[in-house]
Amino acid sequence: MSQDSEAVGRLFALMARLRGPGGCPWDAAQTPRTLVPYLLEEAYELADAILGGDDQAVREELGDLLVEVAMQAAIAAERGAFDLREVADGAAAKMISRHPHVFGDQVVGDEPELLRNWDRMKRREKPDRTSALDGIPVSLPALLRAVLVERRAARGGPGAAGLGLPSATLPAMGEGLSGLEPGAPDAELLAGELLWQVVAECQRLGVDPETALRRATDRHSDHYRAAERIPPPSPDPSSPEVT
């Protein structure tokens, strides 16, 4: 057994110990559903570490995320559903089957062809899905869900022609939104359509809108924090005192 396999096996055994007799009451009380918030939290913390370029933080956050995977697998093993080994074996088998251009004799010409082949293989694996959009979680953050819907639609599919193309009315939509009063019944719909078109335009430019918005938010946050550090102006001694 390799050192990597031993380390993962030790982690899985640790999870079983924590949930077993004499283990941790908190860990033993958890269910797959109660652990979802922690899974999402660890994923976002890992994303922050990666974007921050801190290798030590990335290593730590990868470990925290792996703990969540191991705990989910340990709970599933308790009811005889599957264990961590089956999770890893299934993931490896999926990667091999979806990369016939690496592990088989298939030849692909470019990245778009590779992605189309990927989509076809996924449809064969999941014949119950009737739409290219099936499988996109509705619980995703709205911006990320919009990116995935637009991306899959733009790759083509029945009835999807043109769905991913940015609209020429983007400036007009922005002007229309700015002319609305707060509480106007069309404000939410128009704002949503405008955001959708921005996502589509980002896709056309090859820009990830999540990263773009994150950078813009960071920049504005830095400007605001800098403004907070500027001391307020001293009172003008020549001004009459206000009582």
C-alpha atoms as a PDB file:
ATOM      1  CA  MET A   1       0.000   0.000   0.000  1.00  0.00           C
ATOM      2  CA  SER A   2       1.335   3.459  -0.907  1.00  0.00           C
ATOM      3  CA  GLN A   3       1.911   6.157   1.702  1.00  0.00           C
ATOM      4  CA  ASP A   4      -0.961   8.173   0.192  1.00  0.00           C
ATOM      5  CA  SER A   5      -3.329   5.207   0.558  1.00  0.00           C
ATOM      6  CA  GLU A   6      -2.171   4.634   4.127  1.00  0.00           C
ATOM      7  CA  ALA A   7      -2.776   8.288   5.021  1.00  0.00           C
ATOM      8  CA  VAL A   8      -6.296   8.284   3.555  1.00  0.00           C
ATOM      9  CA  GLY A   9      -7.082   4.942   5.232  1.00  0.00           C
ATOM     10  CA  ARG A  10      -5.890   6.318   8.567  1.00  0.00           C
ATOM     11  CA  LEU A  11      -8.144   9.356   8.171  1.00  0.00           C
ATOM     12  CA  PHE A  12     -11.152   7.170   7.373  1.00  0.00           C
ATOM     13  CA  ALA A  13     -10.420   4.958  10.402  1.00  0.00           C
ATOM     14  CA  LEU A  14     -10.191   8.095  12.527  1.00  0.00           C
ATOM     15  CA  MET A  15     -13.643   9.225  11.389  1.00  0.00           C
ATOM     16  CA  ALA A  16     -15.083   5.823  12.294  1.00  0.00           C
ATOM     17  CA  ARG A  17     -13.426   6.040  15.707  1.00  0.00           C
ATOM     18  CA  LEU A  18     -14.840   9.491  16.372  1.00  0.00           C
ATOM     19  CA  ARG A  19     -18.360   8.278  15.593  1.00  0.00           C
ATOM     20  CA  GLY A  20     -17.999   4.952  17.399  1.00  0.00           C
ATOM     21  CA  PRO A  21     -18.469   3.971  21.061  1.00  0.00           C
ATOM     22  CA  GLY A  22     -16.355   6.141  23.317  1.00  0.00           C
ATOM     23  CA  GLY A  23     -15.802   8.654  20.535  1.00  0.00           C
ATOM     24  CA  CYS A  24     -16.952  12.251  20.175  1.00  0.00           C
ATOM     25  CA  PRO A  25     -20.651  12.909  20.943  1.00  0.00           C
ATOM     26  CA  TRP A  26     -20.768  15.801  18.474  1.00  0.00           C
ATOM     27  CA  ASP A  27     -19.304  13.761  15.611  1.00  0.00           C
ATOM     28  CA  ALA A  28     -21.552  10.823  16.428  1.00  0.00           C
ATOM     29  CA  ALA A  29     -24.640  13.046  16.279  1.00  0.00           C
ATOM     30  CA  GLN A  30     -23.949  14.381  12.788  1.00  0.00           C
ATOM     31  CA  THR A  31     -25.881  13.335   9.688  1.00  0.00           C
ATOM     32  CA  PRO A  32     -25.103  13.957   6.003  1.00  0.00           C
ATOM     33  CA  ARG A  33     -27.530  16.885   6.035  1.00  0.00           C
ATOM     34  CA  THR A  34     -26.176  18.551   9.185  1.00  0.00           C
ATOM     35  CA  LEU A  35     -22.665  18.437   7.717  1.00  0.00           C
ATOM     36  CA  VAL A  36     -23.578  20.263   4.484  1.00  0.00           C
ATOM     37  CA  PRO A  37     -22.955  23.785   5.912  1.00  0.00           C
ATOM     38  CA  TYR A  38     -19.481  22.733   7.062  1.00  0.00           C
ATOM     39  CA  LEU A  39     -18.747  21.174   3.667  1.00  0.00           C
ATOM     40  CA  LEU A  40     -19.648  24.433   1.911  1.00  0.00           C
ATOM     41  CA  GLU A  41     -17.695  26.505   4.430  1.00  0.00           C
ATOM     42  CA  GLU A  42     -14.550  24.424   3.948  1.00  0.00           C
ATOM     43  CA  ALA A  43     -14.882  24.621   0.159  1.00  0.00           C
ATOM     44  CA  TYR A  44     -15.059  28.426   0.276  1.00  0.00           C
ATOM     45  CA  GLU A  45     -12.134  28.615   2.705  1.00  0.00           C
ATOM     46  CA  LEU A  46     -10.118  26.459   0.321  1.00  0.00           C
ATOM     47  CA  ALA A  47     -11.041  28.761  -2.578  1.00  0.00           C
ATOM     48  CA  ASP A  48      -9.852  31.782  -0.569  1.00  0.00           C
ATOM     49  CA  ALA A  49      -6.548  30.048   0.208  1.00  0.00           C
ATOM     50  CA  ILE A  50      -5.999  29.163  -3.451  1.00  0.00           C
ATOM     51  CA  LEU A  51      -6.786  32.694  -4.628  1.00  0.00           C
ATOM     52  CA  GLY A  52      -4.472  34.039  -1.927  1.00  0.00           C
ATOM     53  CA  GLY A  53      -1.602  31.944  -3.242  1.00  0.00           C
ATOM     54  CA  ASP A  54      -0.695  30.629   0.221  1.00  0.00           C
ATOM     55  CA  ASP A  55       0.534  27.052  -0.181  1.00  0.00           C
ATOM     56  CA  GLN A  56       0.487  26.342   3.552  1.00  0.00           C
ATOM     57  CA  ALA A  57      -3.111  27.539   3.827  1.00  0.00           C
ATOM     58  CA  VAL A  58      -4.082  25.531   0.732  1.00  0.00           C
ATOM     59  CA  ARG A  59      -2.595  22.373   2.262  1.00  0.00           C
ATOM     60  CA  GLU A  60      -4.498  22.938   5.507  1.00  0.00           C
ATOM     61  CA  GLU A  61      -7.801  23.739   3.809  1.00  0.00           C
ATOM     62  CA  LEU A  62      -7.500  20.734   1.498  1.00  0.00           C
ATOM     63  CA  GLY A  63      -7.138  18.629   4.630  1.00  0.00           C
ATOM     64  CA  ASP A  64     -10.228  20.206   6.189  1.00  0.00           C
ATOM     65  CA  LEU A  65     -12.229  19.498   3.034  1.00  0.00           C
ATOM     66  CA  LEU A  66     -10.920  15.937   2.967  1.00  0.00           C
ATOM     67  CA  VAL A  67     -12.169  15.510   6.543  1.00  0.00           C
ATOM     68  CA  GLU A  68     -15.658  16.407   5.347  1.00  0.00           C
ATOM     69  CA  VAL A  69     -15.414  13.851   2.520  1.00  0.00           C
ATOM     70  CA  ALA A  70     -14.174  11.185   4.941  1.00  0.00           C
ATOM     71  CA  MET A  71     -16.968  11.932   7.413  1.00  0.00           C
ATOM     72  CA  GLN A  72     -19.646  11.649   4.734  1.00  0.00           C
ATOM     73  CA  ALA A  73     -18.145   8.333   3.583  1.00  0.00           C
ATOM     74  CA  ALA A  74     -17.917   7.056   7.162  1.00  0.00           C
ATOM     75  CA  ILE A  75     -21.604   7.780   7.766  1.00  0.00           C
ATOM     76  CA  ALA A  76     -22.520   6.055   4.503  1.00  0.00           C
ATOM     77  CA  ALA A  77     -20.395   3.025   5.466  1.00  0.00           C
ATOM     78  CA  GLU A  78     -22.295   2.715   8.742  1.00  0.00           C
ATOM     79  CA  ARG A  79     -25.512   2.014   6.869  1.00  0.00           C
ATOM     80  CA  GLY A  80     -23.798  -0.204   4.299  1.00  0.00           C
ATOM     81  CA  ALA A  81     -24.192   2.205   1.391  1.00  0.00           C
ATOM     82  CA  PHE A  82     -20.541   2.708   0.376  1.00  0.00           C
ATOM     83  CA  ASP A  83     -17.165   3.507   1.885  1.00  0.00           C
ATOM     84  CA  LEU A  84     -14.256   5.816   1.094  1.00  0.00           C
ATOM     85  CA  ARG A  85     -12.518   3.177  -1.035  1.00  0.00           C
ATOM     86  CA  GLU A  86     -15.595   2.885  -3.273  1.00  0.00           C
ATOM     87  CA  VAL A  87     -15.747   6.671  -3.542  1.00  0.00           C
ATOM     88  CA  ALA A  88     -12.129   6.836  -4.706  1.00  0.00           C
ATOM     89  CA  ASP A  89     -12.476   3.824  -7.046  1.00  0.00           C
ATOM     90  CA  GLY A  90     -15.598   5.319  -8.619  1.00  0.00           C
ATOM     91  CA  ALA A  91     -13.932   8.683  -9.145  1.00  0.00           C
ATOM     92  CA  ALA A  92     -10.887   7.059 -10.773  1.00  0.00           C
ATOM     93  CA  ALA A  93     -13.070   4.920 -13.056  1.00  0.00           C
ATOM     94  CA  LYS A  94     -15.051   7.993 -14.107  1.00  0.00           C
ATOM     95  CA  MET A  95     -11.921   9.965 -14.945  1.00  0.00           C
ATOM     96  CA  ILE A  96     -10.577   7.091 -17.055  1.00  0.00           C
ATOM     97  CA  SER A  97     -13.845   6.633 -18.949  1.00  0.00           C
ATOM     98  CA  ARG A  98     -14.159  10.376 -19.632  1.00  0.00           C
ATOM     99  CA  HIS A  99     -10.612  10.700 -20.954  1.00  0.00           C
ATOM    100  CA  PRO A 100     -10.462   8.220 -23.855  1.00  0.00           C
ATOM    101  CA  HIS A 101      -8.053  10.624 -25.569  1.00  0.00           C
ATOM    102  CA  VAL A 102      -5.598   9.916 -22.726  1.00  0.00           C
ATOM    103  CA  PHE A 103      -6.373   6.340 -21.661  1.00  0.00           C
ATOM    104  CA  GLY A 104      -7.767   5.089 -24.979  1.00  0.00           C
ATOM    105  CA  ASP A 105      -7.289   5.595 -28.682  1.00  0.00           C
ATOM    106  CA  GLN A 106      -9.642   8.532 -29.243  1.00  0.00           C
ATOM    107  CA  VAL A 107      -8.166  11.607 -30.941  1.00  0.00           C
ATOM    108  CA  VAL A 108      -9.534  15.112 -30.327  1.00  0.00           C
ATOM    109  CA  GLY A 109      -8.701  18.121 -32.449  1.00  0.00           C
ATOM    110  CA  ASP A 110      -9.241  20.998 -30.032  1.00  0.00           C
ATOM    111  CA  GLU A 111     -10.787  21.961 -26.702  1.00  0.00           C
ATOM    112  CA  PRO A 112     -14.347  22.564 -28.034  1.00  0.00           C
ATOM    113  CA  GLU A 113     -14.381  19.054 -29.513  1.00  0.00           C
ATOM    114  CA  LEU A 114     -13.073  17.678 -26.225  1.00  0.00           C
ATOM    115  CA  LEU A 115     -15.881  19.405 -24.311  1.00  0.00           C
ATOM    116  CA  ARG A 116     -18.513  18.126 -26.748  1.00  0.00           C
ATOM    117  CA  ASN A 117     -17.182  14.589 -26.289  1.00  0.00           C
ATOM    118  CA  TRP A 118     -17.300  15.085 -22.528  1.00  0.00           C
ATOM    119  CA  ASP A 119     -20.950  16.131 -22.722  1.00  0.00           C
ATOM    120  CA  ARG A 120     -21.815  13.100 -24.868  1.00  0.00           C
ATOM    121  CA  MET A 121     -20.142  10.741 -22.406  1.00  0.00           C
ATOM    122  CA  LYS A 122     -21.997  12.298 -19.488  1.00  0.00           C
ATOM    123  CA  ARG A 123     -25.304  11.874 -21.325  1.00  0.00           C
ATOM    124  CA  ARG A 124     -24.520   8.204 -21.957  1.00  0.00           C
ATOM    125  CA  GLU A 125     -23.695   7.729 -18.272  1.00  0.00           C
ATOM    126  CA  LYS A 126     -26.937   9.431 -17.201  1.00  0.00           C
ATOM    127  CA  PRO A 127     -29.579   8.551 -19.829  1.00  0.00           C
ATOM    128  CA  ASP A 128     -32.372   9.890 -17.596  1.00  0.00           C
ATOM    129  CA  ARG A 129     -31.198  13.451 -18.239  1.00  0.00           C
ATOM    130  CA  THR A 130     -33.108  15.002 -21.127  1.00  0.00           C
ATOM    131  CA  SER A 131     -31.547  18.459 -21.117  1.00  0.00           C
ATOM    132  CA  ALA A 132     -28.002  19.783 -21.291  1.00  0.00           C
ATOM    133  CA  LEU A 133     -28.907  21.787 -18.192  1.00  0.00           C
ATOM    134  CA  ASP A 134     -29.866  18.756 -16.089  1.00  0.00           C
ATOM    135  CA  GLY A 135     -27.550  18.229 -13.159  1.00  0.00           C
ATOM    136  CA  ILE A 136     -26.825  21.910 -12.478  1.00  0.00           C
ATOM    137  CA  PRO A 137     -27.736  22.346  -8.789  1.00  0.00           C
ATOM    138  CA  VAL A 138     -30.464  24.927  -8.265  1.00  0.00           C
ATOM    139  CA  SER A 139     -28.958  25.668  -4.836  1.00  0.00           C
ATOM    140  CA  LEU A 140     -25.777  27.090  -6.357  1.00  0.00           C
ATOM    141  CA  PRO A 141     -25.063  30.795  -5.788  1.00  0.00           C
ATOM    142  CA  ALA A 142     -26.986  32.640  -8.482  1.00  0.00           C
ATOM    143  CA  LEU A 143     -23.914  33.960 -10.301  1.00  0.00           C
ATOM    144  CA  LEU A 144     -22.231  30.562 -10.533  1.00  0.00           C
ATOM    145  CA  ARG A 145     -25.478  28.895 -11.644  1.00  0.00           C
ATOM    146  CA  ALA A 146     -25.909  31.517 -14.377  1.00  0.00           C
ATOM    147  CA  VAL A 147     -22.353  30.833 -15.588  1.00  0.00           C
ATOM    148  CA  LEU A 148     -22.977  27.084 -15.817  1.00  0.00           C
ATOM    149  CA  VAL A 149     -26.360  27.469 -17.548  1.00  0.00           C
ATOM    150  CA  GLU A 150     -24.962  29.940 -20.079  1.00  0.00           C
ATOM    151  CA  ARG A 151     -21.855  27.828 -20.682  1.00  0.00           C
ATOM    152  CA  ARG A 152     -23.752  24.605 -21.302  1.00  0.00           C
ATOM    153  CA  ALA A 153     -26.302  26.347 -23.495  1.00  0.00           C
ATOM    154  CA  ALA A 154     -23.558  28.008 -25.527  1.00  0.00           C
ATOM    155  CA  ARG A 155     -21.947  24.601 -26.182  1.00  0.00           C
ATOM    156  CA  GLY A 156     -25.087  23.631 -28.037  1.00  0.00           C
ATOM    157  CA  GLY A 157     -28.031  21.356 -27.597  1.00  0.00           C
ATOM    158  CA  PRO A 158     -31.637  20.953 -28.725  1.00  0.00           C
ATOM    159  CA  GLY A 159     -33.307  24.349 -28.730  1.00  0.00           C
ATOM    160  CA  ALA A 160     -30.257  26.088 -27.304  1.00  0.00           C
ATOM    161  CA  ALA A 161     -29.157  27.910 -30.451  1.00  0.00           C
ATOM    162  CA  GLY A 162     -28.330  31.509 -29.638  1.00  0.00           C
ATOM    163  CA  LEU A 163     -29.184  31.237 -25.940  1.00  0.00           C
ATOM    164  CA  GLY A 164     -25.632  31.944 -24.886  1.00  0.00           C
ATOM    165  CA  LEU A 165     -25.114  34.990 -27.111  1.00  0.00           C
ATOM    166  CA  PRO A 166     -24.946  38.375 -25.388  1.00  0.00           C
ATOM    167  CA  SER A 167     -27.751  40.759 -26.283  1.00  0.00           C
ATOM    168  CA  ALA A 168     -27.193  44.015 -28.102  1.00  0.00           C
ATOM    169  CA  THR A 169     -29.626  45.682 -25.659  1.00  0.00           C
ATOM    170  CA  LEU A 170     -27.184  45.549 -22.713  1.00  0.00           C
ATOM    171  CA  PRO A 171     -26.630  49.353 -22.538  1.00  0.00           C
ATOM    172  CA  ALA A 172     -30.344  50.022 -23.041  1.00  0.00           C
ATOM    173  CA  MET A 173     -31.212  47.619 -20.231  1.00  0.00           C
ATOM    174  CA  GLY A 174     -28.811  49.431 -17.916  1.00  0.00           C
ATOM    175  CA  GLU A 175     -30.365  52.773 -18.799  1.00  0.00           C
ATOM    176  CA  GLY A 176     -33.847  51.374 -18.249  1.00  0.00           C
ATOM    177  CA  LEU A 177     -32.863  50.031 -14.840  1.00  0.00           C
ATOM    178  CA  SER A 178     -31.380  53.349 -13.755  1.00  0.00           C
ATOM    179  CA  GLY A 179     -34.639  55.069 -14.685  1.00  0.00           C
ATOM    180  CA  LEU A 180     -36.789  52.927 -12.408  1.00  0.00           C
ATOM    181  CA  GLU A 181     -37.937  54.025  -8.987  1.00  0.00           C
ATOM    182  CA  PRO A 182     -37.321  51.806  -5.923  1.00  0.00           C
ATOM    183  CA  GLY A 183     -40.086  49.233  -5.580  1.00  0.00           C
ATOM    184  CA  ALA A 184     -41.004  49.299  -9.259  1.00  0.00           C
ATOM    185  CA  PRO A 185     -42.553  45.938 -10.256  1.00  0.00           C
ATOM    186  CA  ASP A 186     -40.175  45.510 -13.226  1.00  0.00           C
ATOM    187  CA  ALA A 187     -36.985  46.292 -11.278  1.00  0.00           C
ATOM    188  CA  GLU A 188     -36.186  42.740 -10.174  1.00  0.00           C
ATOM    189  CA  LEU A 189     -36.841  41.189 -13.585  1.00  0.00           C
ATOM    190  CA  LEU A 190     -34.868  43.861 -15.445  1.00  0.00           C
ATOM    191  CA  ALA A 191     -31.969  43.654 -12.972  1.00  0.00           C
ATOM    192  CA  GLY A 192     -31.892  39.882 -13.355  1.00  0.00           C
ATOM    193  CA  GLU A 193     -31.857  40.101 -17.150  1.00  0.00           C
ATOM    194  CA  LEU A 194     -29.080  42.681 -17.001  1.00  0.00           C
ATOM    195  CA  LEU A 195     -26.983  40.418 -14.760  1.00  0.00           C
ATOM    196  CA  TRP A 196     -27.609  37.507 -17.129  1.00  0.00           C
ATOM    197  CA  GLN A 197     -26.364  39.541 -20.089  1.00  0.00           C
ATOM    198  CA  VAL A 198     -23.272  40.588 -18.124  1.00  0.00           C
ATOM    199  CA  VAL A 199     -22.527  36.906 -17.454  1.00  0.00           C
ATOM    200  CA  ALA A 200     -22.948  36.105 -21.148  1.00  0.00           C
ATOM    201  CA  GLU A 201     -20.687  38.994 -22.125  1.00  0.00           C
ATOM    202  CA  CYS A 202     -18.040  37.774 -19.657  1.00  0.00           C
ATOM    203  CA  GLN A 203     -18.206  34.342 -21.277  1.00  0.00           C
ATOM    204  CA  ARG A 204     -17.685  35.914 -24.696  1.00  0.00           C
ATOM    205  CA  LEU A 205     -14.613  37.746 -23.391  1.00  0.00           C
ATOM    206  CA  GLY A 206     -13.219  34.646 -21.722  1.00  0.00           C
ATOM    207  CA  VAL A 207     -13.601  36.233 -18.281  1.00  0.00           C
ATOM    208  CA  ASP A 208     -14.867  34.351 -15.238  1.00  0.00           C
ATOM    209  CA  PRO A 209     -17.548  36.679 -13.794  1.00  0.00           C
ATOM    210  CA  GLU A 210     -17.103  35.288 -10.267  1.00  0.00           C
ATOM    211  CA  THR A 211     -13.403  36.165 -10.312  1.00  0.00           C
ATOM    212  CA  ALA A 212     -14.077  39.515 -11.963  1.00  0.00           C
ATOM    213  CA  LEU A 213     -16.668  40.472  -9.333  1.00  0.00           C
ATOM    214  CA  ARG A 214     -14.409  39.237  -6.540  1.00  0.00           C
ATOM    215  CA  ARG A 215     -11.561  41.450  -7.786  1.00  0.00           C
ATOM    216  CA  ALA A 216     -13.840  44.454  -8.149  1.00  0.00           C
ATOM    217  CA  THR A 217     -15.261  43.897  -4.655  1.00  0.00           C
ATOM    218  CA  ASP A 218     -11.757  43.588  -3.214  1.00  0.00           C
ATOM    219  CA  ARG A 219     -10.737  46.822  -4.915  1.00  0.00           C
ATOM    220  CA  HIS A 220     -13.746  48.739  -3.637  1.00  0.00           C
ATOM    221  CA  SER A 221     -13.280  47.233  -0.172  1.00  0.00           C
ATOM    222  CA  ASP A 222      -9.658  48.408  -0.141  1.00  0.00           C
ATOM    223  CA  HIS A 223     -10.712  51.912  -1.182  1.00  0.00           C
ATOM    224  CA  TYR A 224     -13.365  52.031   1.545  1.00  0.00           C
ATOM    225  CA  ARG A 225     -10.956  50.802   4.229  1.00  0.00           C
ATOM    226  CA  ALA A 226      -8.412  53.399   3.119  1.00  0.00           C
ATOM    227  CA  ALA A 227     -11.061  56.121   3.361  1.00  0.00           C
ATOM    228  CA  GLU A 228     -11.930  54.965   6.891  1.00  0.00           C
ATOM    229  CA  ARG A 229      -8.315  55.532   7.952  1.00  0.00           C
ATOM    230  CA  ILE A 230      -8.354  59.181   6.843  1.00  0.00           C
ATOM    231  CA  PRO A 231      -8.876  61.334   9.964  1.00  0.00           C
ATOM    232  CA  PRO A 232     -11.860  63.686   9.859  1.00  0.00           C
ATOM    233  CA  PRO A 233     -11.062  67.351   9.181  1.00  0.00           C
ATOM    234  CA  SER A 234     -10.388  69.503  12.226  1.00  0.00           C
ATOM    235  CA  PRO A 235     -13.106  72.005  13.144  1.00  0.00           C
ATOM    236  CA  ASP A 236     -12.636  75.480  11.696  1.00  0.00           C
ATOM    237  CA  PRO A 237     -11.964  77.722  14.698  1.00  0.00           C
ATOM    238  CA  SER A 238     -13.336  80.704  12.784  1.00  0.00           C
ATOM    239  CA  SER A 239     -16.722  79.073  12.327  1.00  0.00           C
ATOM    240  CA  PRO A 240     -19.466  80.071  14.779  1.00  0.00           C
ATOM    241  CA  GLU A 241     -20.219  77.395  17.372  1.00  0.00           C
ATOM    242  CA  VAL A 242     -23.426  75.535  16.648  1.00  0.00           C
ATOM    243  CA  THR A 243     -25.622  75.106  19.722  1.00  0.00           C
END
